[in-house]
Protein backbone atom coordinates (compact mmCIF):
# COMPACT_ATOMS: atom_id res chain seq x y z
CA UNK A 1 92.20 -16.74 50.12
CA UNK A 2 89.46 -16.45 52.71
CA UNK A 3 86.71 -14.36 52.13
CA UNK A 4 84.72 -14.86 55.62
CA UNK A 5 84.23 -16.79 58.98
CA UNK A 6 80.92 -17.56 60.83
CA UNK A 7 79.89 -18.78 64.25
CA UNK A 8 76.57 -19.45 65.80
CA UNK A 9 75.52 -21.09 69.41
CA UNK A 10 72.05 -22.07 69.09
CA UNK A 11 70.56 -23.43 72.33
CA UNK A 12 68.13 -26.41 71.75
CA UNK A 13 65.84 -26.15 74.90
CA UNK A 14 64.91 -22.85 72.77
CA UNK A 15 64.07 -25.15 70.04
CA UNK A 16 61.80 -27.17 72.64
CA UNK A 17 59.96 -24.55 73.62
CA UNK A 18 59.18 -23.44 70.96
CA UNK A 19 55.27 -22.46 71.26
CA UNK A 20 54.64 -23.63 67.86
CA UNK A 21 57.45 -25.77 67.09
CA UNK A 22 56.13 -26.96 63.45
CA UNK A 23 55.63 -23.81 61.54
CA UNK A 24 58.91 -22.63 62.88
CA UNK A 25 60.75 -25.62 61.27
CA UNK A 26 58.27 -25.44 58.14
CA UNK A 27 59.22 -21.76 57.35
CA UNK A 28 63.57 -21.93 58.18
CA UNK A 29 64.19 -25.13 57.45
CA UNK A 30 64.03 -27.64 54.15
CA UNK A 31 62.12 -30.39 53.22
CA UNK A 32 65.33 -32.61 53.15
CA UNK A 33 66.09 -31.07 56.73
CA UNK A 34 63.21 -31.82 58.70
CA UNK A 35 63.07 -35.24 57.40
CA UNK A 36 67.07 -35.50 59.12
CA UNK A 37 65.11 -33.77 62.33
CA UNK A 38 62.45 -36.07 62.12
CA UNK A 39 64.59 -39.10 62.16
CA UNK A 40 66.94 -38.00 64.36
CA UNK A 41 64.09 -39.37 67.22
CA UNK A 42 64.76 -38.02 70.78
CA UNK A 43 68.04 -35.81 69.11
CA UNK A 44 65.93 -33.78 66.45
CA UNK A 45 65.80 -30.80 67.98
CA UNK A 46 69.64 -31.36 68.46
CA UNK A 47 69.78 -31.53 65.50
CA UNK A 48 67.47 -28.86 64.39
CA UNK A 49 69.26 -26.32 66.73
CA UNK A 50 72.45 -27.52 64.60
CA UNK A 51 71.17 -26.87 61.29
CA UNK A 52 70.47 -23.67 63.21
CA UNK A 53 73.45 -22.57 63.73
CA UNK A 54 74.80 -23.99 60.78
CA UNK A 55 72.15 -21.30 58.23
CA UNK A 56 73.18 -18.60 60.85
CA UNK A 57 77.34 -19.16 60.69
CA UNK A 58 76.99 -18.94 57.29
CA UNK A 59 75.16 -15.93 56.86
CA UNK A 60 77.78 -13.90 59.19
CA UNK A 61 80.76 -15.83 56.97
CA UNK A 62 78.76 -13.87 54.33
CA UNK A 63 79.35 -10.64 56.00
CA UNK A 64 75.35 -9.94 55.51
CA UNK A 65 73.69 -11.30 58.49
CA UNK A 66 70.39 -12.23 58.47
CA UNK A 67 67.85 -10.90 55.83
CA UNK A 68 70.20 -11.18 53.32
CA UNK A 69 69.34 -14.63 51.95
CA UNK A 70 66.35 -16.61 53.07
CA UNK A 71 67.14 -19.66 55.67
CA UNK A 72 64.84 -21.92 53.45
CA UNK A 73 68.61 -20.75 50.72
CA UNK A 74 70.86 -22.59 53.16
CA UNK A 75 69.94 -26.28 54.09
CA UNK A 76 72.78 -28.45 55.53
CA UNK A 77 72.83 -31.62 54.24
CA UNK A 78 74.78 -35.01 55.54
CA UNK A 79 77.26 -36.45 53.35
CA UNK A 80 77.06 -40.79 53.18
CA UNK A 81 79.37 -40.08 55.85
CA UNK A 82 77.17 -38.20 58.50
CA UNK A 83 79.52 -35.39 57.89
CA UNK A 84 77.90 -32.21 57.10
CA UNK A 85 77.74 -29.82 54.00
CA UNK A 86 75.56 -26.62 53.04
CA UNK A 87 73.71 -26.33 49.54
CA UNK A 88 72.62 -22.79 48.92
CA UNK A 89 69.61 -21.55 46.16
CA UNK A 90 68.39 -18.83 45.23
CA UNK A 91 69.79 -15.24 46.65
CA UNK A 92 72.36 -16.93 49.29
CA UNK A 93 73.29 -18.55 45.60
CA UNK A 94 73.41 -15.53 44.27
CA UNK A 95 75.88 -13.62 46.69
CA UNK A 96 78.55 -16.76 47.31
CA UNK A 97 79.15 -16.09 43.42
CA UNK A 98 78.80 -13.01 44.02
CA UNK A 99 81.79 -12.88 46.19
CA UNK A 100 83.51 -15.78 44.32
CA UNK A 101 83.22 -18.10 47.10
CA UNK A 102 84.07 -21.12 45.24
CA UNK A 103 84.96 -23.69 48.82
CA UNK A 104 82.88 -23.75 51.68
CA UNK A 105 83.58 -25.80 54.82
CA UNK A 106 81.25 -26.36 57.40
CA UNK A 107 81.56 -28.08 61.25
CA UNK A 108 79.05 -29.02 63.73
CA UNK A 109 78.91 -29.68 66.77
CA UNK A 110 76.47 -30.33 69.76
CA UNK A 111 76.58 -31.47 73.13
CA UNK A 112 74.41 -30.90 76.26
CA UNK A 113 71.55 -29.15 74.36
CA UNK A 114 73.71 -26.68 73.00
CA UNK A 115 74.99 -26.45 69.68
CA UNK A 116 77.47 -24.66 67.27
CA UNK A 117 78.41 -24.26 63.82
CA UNK A 118 81.63 -22.74 62.10
CA UNK A 119 81.88 -21.95 58.45
CA UNK A 120 84.64 -20.48 56.38
CA UNK A 121 83.83 -19.37 52.93
CA UNK A 122 86.89 -19.82 50.52
CA UNK A 123 87.59 -17.66 46.80
């Protein structure tokens, strides 16, 4: 049974133009995510936008929106195949357990400076 579906779109140019970019990355991204973003070189801002979109899509799928859990509690990781997946801690994990979430599906795409993410939560 589907518990929730969330979608979000993020403009990589906005990430590029953030005056205090490193502070932004430290505040909203886990160390693993920051390492991944750094490893992407010139495509790092596209990857940051995709990760941010995935975090927001997750919170929308959960039905809580931003504020119910910290964005650092929702981490976008990558399998050896490159497929993205979500890893949760803290309040984000607790909310999923309370709602009976058993499976999380994440799809990310980015092109021409725009990144989109879709999250489906299943019981």
